[in-house]
Amino acid sequence: MALKIFFLLSLLTAYVVSDTCVTYDFEENFDNLFSSHGTCSNIPSSLWTIKEYSDFRLASPNDHSTKFITPSVHGQVNCISSFHLTMHSGGVFEFNVYVEPAEIGDHIQIMAFSDEPDSFSTITGLSFINYFTGWHTASFSVVGAASYRGYIALFSMASPNATILVDSFHYTPPGVDGSSCQIYSSKMVLKTFILFSFFVSCVISDSCVTYNFEEGFNDLFGYYGSCNSFPLWRLSDYKSLPLNTPNEHSTKFITPETSWISCASSFNFTMNAGGSIEFNIYMEQTDSLDQVYLMAYHIGPDGIDFVIGMEVVRHQTGWDTVKMPLGGPRTFTGYVSIFGYSARNSKVLIDSFRYIPPGVDASSCQIYG
């Protein structure tokens, strides 16, 4: 069977209530198990299409592999969402992909979402692949609740001369031996892709960006982009907390609405591949769901936004500076979206952030004077 749910007697349900691994190789039931539901229904995009290696110039990565999926339309976003499965915080997805980029914007973006009934659908994991040629295993872990219902969405942009395809994937829950989750009878020989390792040439700019929430928050941040439908982070004053500020000139911060996933998207600014964004974050956790998702977006063609950087902040106590490296094109316009959750007795706050272009001395990008 194309969809293997180990140790289950029935393959009739796509929603897996199990602590076992799940594999899929696109040999069967693609049209029944994948569609434009979830996040793919919210953007103008084309579906991926299924093809056979026998009709393609590329040899399959395994003797038992005969089919793959690839973007159906060149030059625009393609998106498809998977069947639902049970995910666990700390579980790992591995996707076997082939990429031959022809232009800067060619890429695959793989995102995991929680999708529990009567709750917000939230991003729980992500991998972004570009600037690589050949076969790779894109590996990323997921966060979230101990166990939850979720799905995978595959995004791609492929120019006419690019080759982008996905052969198969598997999900391994925490504590399960990955060797028991084989997609094919013999293991594929692939390189391991490290999430957000970008070997790209960079354009050096001397224009850093800093922001400290002292003024202009309501004018410079909003619900747009991926923050649509989420409550906005709340601006607050350090006088309301028994907490020392990280700088004597700092008086304000933002924090999520209590017990709600909050989101805020920033003003647009120029970024460069190889640059980084640093966030000054304070956390006192009382709940396993307390966390901050930091995501940087490139505003692409036709208003479609692409993730070019991501960091997840969990299990932190006290102040920390969280650094998010950036991929993407050499120079582009983008913005930052900040997702966060804070339980009633927890403290989750962001004091400030700064963008440091590649090749620029960080000491020249001071947030406070």
Protein backbone atom coordinates (compact mmCIF):
# COMPACT_ATOMS: atom_id res chain seq x y z
CA MET A 1 0.00 0.00 0.00
CA ALA A 2 1.20 3.53 -0.70
CA LEU A 3 0.09 4.76 2.71
CA LYS A 4 1.52 2.56 5.44
CA ILE A 5 0.39 3.00 9.04
CA PHE A 6 2.50 0.60 11.01
CA PHE A 7 0.91 -1.77 13.55
CA LEU A 8 -2.63 -0.82 12.51
CA LEU A 9 -5.00 -3.43 11.12
CA SER A 10 -7.04 -0.92 9.14
CA LEU A 11 -5.99 1.60 6.47
CA LEU A 12 -9.48 2.99 6.08
CA THR A 13 -8.90 6.18 8.06
CA ALA A 14 -6.52 9.00 7.14
CA TYR A 15 -6.63 10.37 10.69
CA VAL A 16 -4.20 8.17 12.58
CA VAL A 17 -4.73 7.80 16.33
CA SER A 18 -1.49 6.03 17.04
CA ASP A 19 2.03 6.42 18.38
CA THR A 20 3.45 4.71 15.31
CA CYS A 21 5.09 6.02 12.18
CA VAL A 22 3.41 6.93 8.89
CA THR A 23 4.94 6.65 5.42
CA TYR A 24 3.69 7.62 1.99
CA ASP A 25 5.28 7.03 -1.42
CA PHE A 26 2.72 8.39 -3.97
CA GLU A 27 2.31 4.95 -5.59
CA GLU A 28 -1.45 4.87 -4.85
CA ASN A 29 -4.41 7.02 -3.80
CA PHE A 30 -2.82 10.42 -4.39
CA ASP A 31 -6.07 11.99 -5.64
CA ASN A 32 -8.00 10.65 -2.64
CA LEU A 33 -5.48 11.59 0.05
CA PHE A 34 -4.25 15.00 -1.15
CA SER A 35 -6.26 18.11 -2.03
CA SER A 36 -6.42 21.91 -1.74
CA HIS A 37 -7.93 21.90 1.77
CA GLY A 38 -6.60 23.91 4.71
CA THR A 39 -4.03 26.59 4.03
CA CYS A 40 -3.97 25.77 0.29
CA SER A 41 -7.57 26.92 0.02
CA ASN A 42 -6.63 30.41 1.19
CA ILE A 43 -4.17 31.32 -1.56
CA PRO A 44 -4.43 31.49 -5.36
CA SER A 45 -2.45 28.45 -6.43
CA SER A 46 -2.34 25.36 -8.64
CA LEU A 47 -2.21 21.78 -7.36
CA TRP A 48 0.79 19.51 -7.66
CA THR A 49 0.44 16.72 -10.23
CA ILE A 50 1.53 13.08 -10.18
CA LYS A 51 3.91 11.66 -12.80
CA GLU A 52 5.93 8.50 -13.47
CA TYR A 53 9.71 8.13 -13.61
CA SER A 54 9.34 6.04 -16.79
CA ASP A 55 8.18 9.21 -18.59
CA PHE A 56 10.87 11.39 -17.05
CA ARG A 57 14.58 11.87 -17.66
CA LEU A 58 15.42 11.20 -13.98
CA ALA A 59 16.02 7.76 -12.50
CA SER A 60 13.97 6.94 -9.42
CA PRO A 61 15.80 6.90 -6.06
CA ASN A 62 14.62 3.36 -5.28
CA ASP A 63 13.75 0.26 -7.33
CA HIS A 64 10.27 0.22 -5.79
CA SER A 65 9.55 3.87 -6.58
CA THR A 66 7.69 4.52 -9.84
CA LYS A 67 5.82 7.79 -9.18
CA PHE A 68 6.42 11.28 -7.82
CA ILE A 69 4.62 14.62 -7.57
CA THR A 70 5.76 17.86 -9.20
CA PRO A 71 4.33 21.37 -9.63
CA SER A 72 1.63 21.38 -12.31
CA VAL A 73 2.15 24.98 -13.45
CA HIS A 74 5.42 26.86 -13.90
CA GLY A 75 5.92 30.43 -12.78
CA GLN A 76 3.26 30.49 -10.07
CA VAL A 77 2.62 29.04 -6.63
CA ASN A 78 1.60 25.36 -6.44
CA CYS A 79 0.11 24.05 -3.21
CA ILE A 80 -1.33 20.76 -1.99
CA SER A 81 -2.36 19.51 1.47
CA SER A 82 -2.09 15.96 2.79
CA PHE A 83 -4.44 13.63 4.62
CA HIS A 84 -4.75 14.21 8.37
CA LEU A 85 -2.52 12.29 10.74
CA THR A 86 -1.66 12.34 14.42
CA MET A 87 1.48 14.35 15.23
CA HIS A 88 3.39 14.71 18.47
CA SER A 89 5.65 17.43 19.85
CA GLY A 90 9.18 16.28 18.99
CA GLY A 91 8.12 14.08 16.07
CA VAL A 92 10.14 14.27 12.83
CA PHE A 93 9.13 14.45 9.16
CA GLU A 94 11.51 13.44 6.38
CA PHE A 95 10.73 14.27 2.74
CA ASN A 96 12.72 12.80 -0.16
CA VAL A 97 12.93 15.59 -2.72
CA TYR A 98 14.80 16.40 -5.91
CA VAL A 99 15.61 20.00 -6.87
CA GLU A 100 17.30 21.52 -9.91
CA PRO A 101 16.73 25.27 -9.54
CA ALA A 102 17.02 27.44 -12.64
CA GLU A 103 16.10 30.81 -11.14
CA ILE A 104 16.46 32.45 -7.72
CA GLY A 105 12.81 31.98 -6.78
CA ASP A 106 12.69 28.20 -7.42
CA HIS A 107 12.01 26.39 -4.15
CA ILE A 108 9.97 23.94 -2.08
CA GLN A 109 8.38 24.97 1.20
CA ILE A 110 6.97 22.22 3.46
CA MET A 111 4.81 23.21 6.41
CA ALA A 112 3.17 21.16 9.17
CA PHE A 113 -0.11 22.43 10.65
CA SER A 114 -2.18 21.50 13.67
CA ASP A 115 -5.84 21.25 12.68
CA GLU A 116 -7.93 20.33 15.69
CA PRO A 117 -11.71 20.92 15.42
CA ASP A 118 -12.96 24.26 16.81
CA SER A 119 -9.46 25.73 17.12
CA PHE A 120 -7.06 27.85 15.12
CA SER A 121 -4.91 26.05 12.57
CA THR A 122 -1.32 26.81 13.55
CA ILE A 123 2.09 26.16 12.02
CA THR A 124 4.00 23.49 13.97
CA GLY A 125 6.99 22.85 11.68
CA LEU A 126 8.63 24.02 8.48
CA SER A 127 11.37 23.27 5.96
CA PHE A 128 12.46 25.54 3.11
CA ILE A 129 14.59 24.19 0.26
CA ASN A 130 16.35 26.18 -2.46
CA TYR A 131 19.87 26.65 -3.87
CA PHE A 132 20.50 22.88 -3.80
CA THR A 133 20.82 20.49 -6.73
CA GLY A 134 20.02 16.78 -6.65
CA TRP A 135 18.37 14.45 -4.16
CA HIS A 136 17.98 15.52 -0.53
CA THR A 137 16.17 14.42 2.59
CA ALA A 138 14.43 17.48 4.04
CA SER A 139 14.09 16.79 7.75
CA PHE A 140 12.29 18.90 10.34
CA SER A 141 10.73 18.38 13.76
CA VAL A 142 7.27 19.53 14.85
CA VAL A 143 6.17 21.26 18.05
CA GLY A 144 2.77 21.78 19.64
CA ALA A 145 0.68 19.71 22.02
CA ALA A 146 1.79 16.28 23.18
CA SER A 147 -0.51 14.77 20.54
CA TYR A 148 -2.67 16.52 17.97
CA ARG A 149 -4.42 16.18 14.61
CA GLY A 150 -2.54 17.81 11.76
CA TYR A 151 -1.59 17.80 8.10
CA ILE A 152 1.23 18.75 5.75
CA ALA A 153 1.08 21.44 3.05
CA LEU A 154 3.57 21.48 0.16
CA PHE A 155 4.23 24.81 -1.56
CA SER A 156 6.46 25.32 -4.59
CA MET A 157 7.53 27.85 -7.17
CA ALA A 158 9.23 26.44 -10.29
CA SER A 159 10.42 28.38 -13.33
CA PRO A 160 10.02 26.71 -16.77
CA ASN A 161 13.54 25.20 -16.74
CA ALA A 162 13.52 24.07 -13.10
CA THR A 163 12.95 20.53 -11.83
CA ILE A 164 11.21 20.11 -8.48
CA LEU A 165 9.68 16.86 -7.28
CA VAL A 166 8.77 14.94 -4.13
CA ASP A 167 9.22 11.16 -4.14
CA SER A 168 7.99 10.18 -0.68
CA PHE A 169 7.94 11.08 3.00
CA HIS A 170 7.62 9.57 6.45
CA TYR A 171 6.72 10.75 9.92
CA THR A 172 8.48 9.31 12.99
CA PRO A 173 6.96 10.04 16.44
CA PRO A 174 9.30 10.84 19.34
CA GLY A 175 10.80 7.74 20.91
CA VAL A 176 10.25 5.56 17.83
CA ASP A 177 13.28 4.06 16.08
CA GLY A 178 13.48 5.65 12.62
CA SER A 179 14.77 2.40 11.15
CA SER A 180 11.32 0.89 11.72
CA CYS A 181 9.75 3.54 9.48
CA GLN A 182 11.17 2.52 6.10
CA ILE A 183 9.28 3.79 3.07
CA TYR A 184 10.71 1.12 0.77
CA SER A 185 12.18 -2.29 1.52
CA SER A 186 15.70 -0.96 1.07
CA LYS A 187 16.85 2.39 2.34
CA MET A 188 17.33 5.21 -0.12
CA VAL A 189 20.80 6.69 -0.35
CA LEU A 190 20.30 10.43 -0.06
CA LYS A 191 22.04 13.44 1.36
CA THR A 192 20.57 14.87 4.53
CA PHE A 193 19.31 18.40 4.13
CA ILE A 194 19.79 20.55 7.22
CA LEU A 195 16.85 22.86 7.81
CA PHE A 196 17.65 26.45 6.87
CA SER A 197 21.23 25.82 5.71
CA PHE A 198 21.52 28.28 2.85
CA PHE A 199 24.70 28.33 0.75
CA VAL A 200 23.99 31.46 -1.25
CA SER A 201 25.88 34.49 -2.49
CA CYS A 202 24.90 37.60 -0.64
CA VAL A 203 24.49 41.26 -1.47
CA ILE A 204 26.08 43.30 1.28
CA SER A 205 24.04 46.25 2.46
CA ASP A 206 24.88 48.75 5.17
CA SER A 207 21.26 49.42 6.16
CA CYS A 208 20.30 47.75 9.43
CA VAL A 209 16.81 48.03 10.91
CA THR A 210 15.98 48.27 14.61
CA TYR A 211 12.68 48.49 16.48
CA ASN A 212 11.96 48.70 20.21
CA PHE A 213 8.15 49.08 20.56
CA GLU A 214 8.53 52.46 22.29
CA GLU A 215 6.31 54.11 19.69
CA GLY A 216 4.38 53.44 16.50
CA PHE A 217 3.31 49.84 17.26
CA ASN A 218 -0.31 50.30 16.17
CA ASP A 219 0.78 52.03 12.97
CA LEU A 220 3.66 49.71 12.04
CA PHE A 221 2.23 46.29 13.00
CA GLY A 222 -1.04 44.64 11.98
CA TYR A 223 -3.07 41.53 11.11
CA TYR A 224 -2.01 41.22 7.47
CA GLY A 225 -0.22 38.29 5.84
CA SER A 226 -0.23 35.07 7.85
CA CYS A 227 -1.67 36.91 10.88
CA ASN A 228 -5.09 37.26 9.31
CA SER A 229 -7.82 36.13 11.78
CA PHE A 230 -5.47 35.98 14.81
CA PRO A 231 -5.68 38.38 17.78
CA LEU A 232 -2.94 41.02 17.76
CA TRP A 233 -0.17 41.02 20.35
CA ARG A 234 -0.81 43.51 23.15
CA LEU A 235 1.46 46.49 23.88
CA SER A 236 2.27 46.83 27.57
CA ASP A 237 4.53 48.71 29.99
CA TYR A 238 7.27 47.28 32.22
CA LYS A 239 5.70 49.13 35.15
CA SER A 240 2.94 46.49 35.03
CA LEU A 241 5.42 43.65 35.69
CA PRO A 242 7.88 42.84 38.48
CA LEU A 243 10.58 42.54 35.83
CA ASN A 244 13.79 44.41 35.12
CA THR A 245 14.00 45.90 31.66
CA PRO A 246 16.85 44.70 29.40
CA ASN A 247 17.91 48.33 28.84
CA GLU A 248 17.41 51.50 30.85
CA HIS A 249 15.83 53.16 27.80
CA SER A 250 13.29 50.36 27.37
CA THR A 251 9.83 51.00 28.82
CA LYS A 252 7.48 48.92 26.62
CA PHE A 253 7.09 45.41 25.23
CA ILE A 254 4.51 43.25 23.43
CA THR A 255 2.91 40.10 24.83
CA PRO A 256 0.30 37.62 23.51
CA GLU A 257 -3.31 37.83 24.63
CA THR A 258 -3.67 35.39 27.55
CA SER A 259 -4.47 31.82 26.48
CA TRP A 260 -4.88 32.79 22.82
CA ILE A 261 -2.54 32.39 19.88
CA SER A 262 -1.65 35.98 18.99
CA CYS A 263 0.08 37.28 15.89
CA ALA A 264 1.58 40.55 14.64
CA SER A 265 3.08 41.30 11.22
CA SER A 266 5.65 44.07 10.96
CA PHE A 267 6.20 46.92 8.54
CA ASN A 268 7.98 46.03 5.28
CA PHE A 269 11.73 46.49 5.00
CA THR A 270 14.62 45.44 2.75
CA MET A 271 16.39 42.17 3.63
CA ASN A 272 19.27 40.22 2.13
CA ALA A 273 20.01 36.49 1.97
CA GLY A 274 22.67 35.80 4.58
CA GLY A 275 21.40 38.52 6.91
CA SER A 276 19.84 37.80 10.29
CA ILE A 277 17.14 39.14 12.60
CA GLU A 278 17.68 39.13 16.36
CA PHE A 279 14.78 39.24 18.84
CA ASN A 280 15.11 40.04 22.55
CA ILE A 281 12.62 37.69 24.24
CA TYR A 282 11.69 36.96 27.85
CA MET A 283 9.85 33.81 28.95
CA GLU A 284 8.65 32.27 32.20
CA GLN A 285 6.75 29.13 31.21
CA THR A 286 3.99 27.45 33.19
CA ASP A 287 2.40 25.60 30.26
CA SER A 288 3.91 23.33 27.59
CA LEU A 289 2.11 25.38 24.92
CA ASP A 290 3.91 28.62 25.84
CA GLN A 291 5.97 29.48 22.78
CA VAL A 292 6.94 32.08 20.18
CA TYR A 293 7.15 31.49 16.43
CA LEU A 294 9.29 33.97 14.51
CA MET A 295 8.82 33.94 10.75
CA ALA A 296 10.38 36.14 8.07
CA TYR A 297 8.64 36.50 4.72
CA HIS A 298 9.74 37.53 1.25
CA ILE A 299 6.94 39.39 -0.55
CA GLY A 300 7.02 37.52 -3.86
CA PRO A 301 5.39 37.92 -7.26
CA ASP A 302 1.64 38.57 -7.39
CA GLY A 303 1.56 39.29 -3.67
CA ILE A 304 2.39 35.71 -2.64
CA ASP A 305 4.62 35.63 0.45
CA PHE A 306 7.34 33.02 0.98
CA VAL A 307 8.92 31.98 4.28
CA ILE A 308 12.68 32.64 4.19
CA GLY A 309 13.45 32.32 7.90
CA MET A 310 11.93 30.73 10.98
CA GLU A 311 12.76 30.16 14.64
CA VAL A 312 10.71 28.52 17.41
CA VAL A 313 11.26 29.64 21.02
CA ARG A 314 10.25 27.17 23.72
CA HIS A 315 11.66 25.92 27.05
CA GLN A 316 13.37 29.27 27.66
CA THR A 317 13.67 30.88 31.08
CA GLY A 318 14.57 34.55 31.41
CA TRP A 319 15.99 36.86 28.77
CA ASP A 320 17.54 35.55 25.57
CA THR A 321 18.51 36.94 22.17
CA VAL A 322 17.08 34.66 19.49
CA LYS A 323 18.83 34.85 16.12
CA MET A 324 16.99 33.98 12.90
CA PRO A 325 19.18 33.54 9.76
CA LEU A 326 17.61 34.46 6.43
CA GLY A 327 17.59 32.76 3.04
CA GLY A 328 15.67 33.94 0.00
CA PRO A 329 16.80 36.03 -2.98
CA ARG A 330 19.87 38.25 -2.77
CA THR A 331 17.89 41.39 -1.94
CA PHE A 332 14.16 41.56 -1.37
CA THR A 333 11.34 43.33 0.45
CA GLY A 334 9.86 41.40 3.32
CA TYR A 335 8.37 41.51 6.78
CA VAL A 336 8.30 39.58 10.04
CA SER A 337 5.31 37.76 11.57
CA ILE A 338 5.41 36.93 15.27
CA PHE A 339 3.12 34.19 16.62
CA GLY A 340 2.90 33.62 20.36
CA TYR A 341 0.99 31.82 23.09
CA SER A 342 1.07 32.55 26.82
CA ALA A 343 -0.86 30.74 29.53
CA ARG A 344 -2.50 32.80 32.27
CA ASN A 345 0.36 32.50 34.77
CA SER A 346 3.17 32.59 32.22
CA LYS A 347 5.26 35.47 30.96
CA VAL A 348 6.01 35.68 27.23
CA LEU A 349 7.17 39.02 25.87
CA ILE A 350 9.29 40.62 23.16
CA ASP A 351 11.22 43.77 23.99
CA SER A 352 12.79 44.61 20.63
CA PHE A 353 14.43 43.29 17.48
CA ARG A 354 16.99 44.24 14.86
CA TYR A 355 17.87 43.20 11.33
CA ILE A 356 21.60 42.91 10.57
CA PRO A 357 22.56 42.70 6.87
CA PRO A 358 25.33 40.29 5.83
CA GLY A 359 28.81 41.70 6.33
CA VAL A 360 27.66 44.45 8.69
CA ASP A 361 29.17 44.76 12.18
CA ALA A 362 26.40 44.11 14.71
CA SER A 363 27.80 46.85 16.95
CA SER A 364 26.65 49.42 14.37
CA CYS A 365 23.02 48.24 14.72
CA GLN A 366 22.21 49.41 18.24
CA ILE A 367 18.55 49.18 19.25
CA TYR A 368 18.90 51.76 22.02
CA GLY A 369 21.14 54.80 21.89
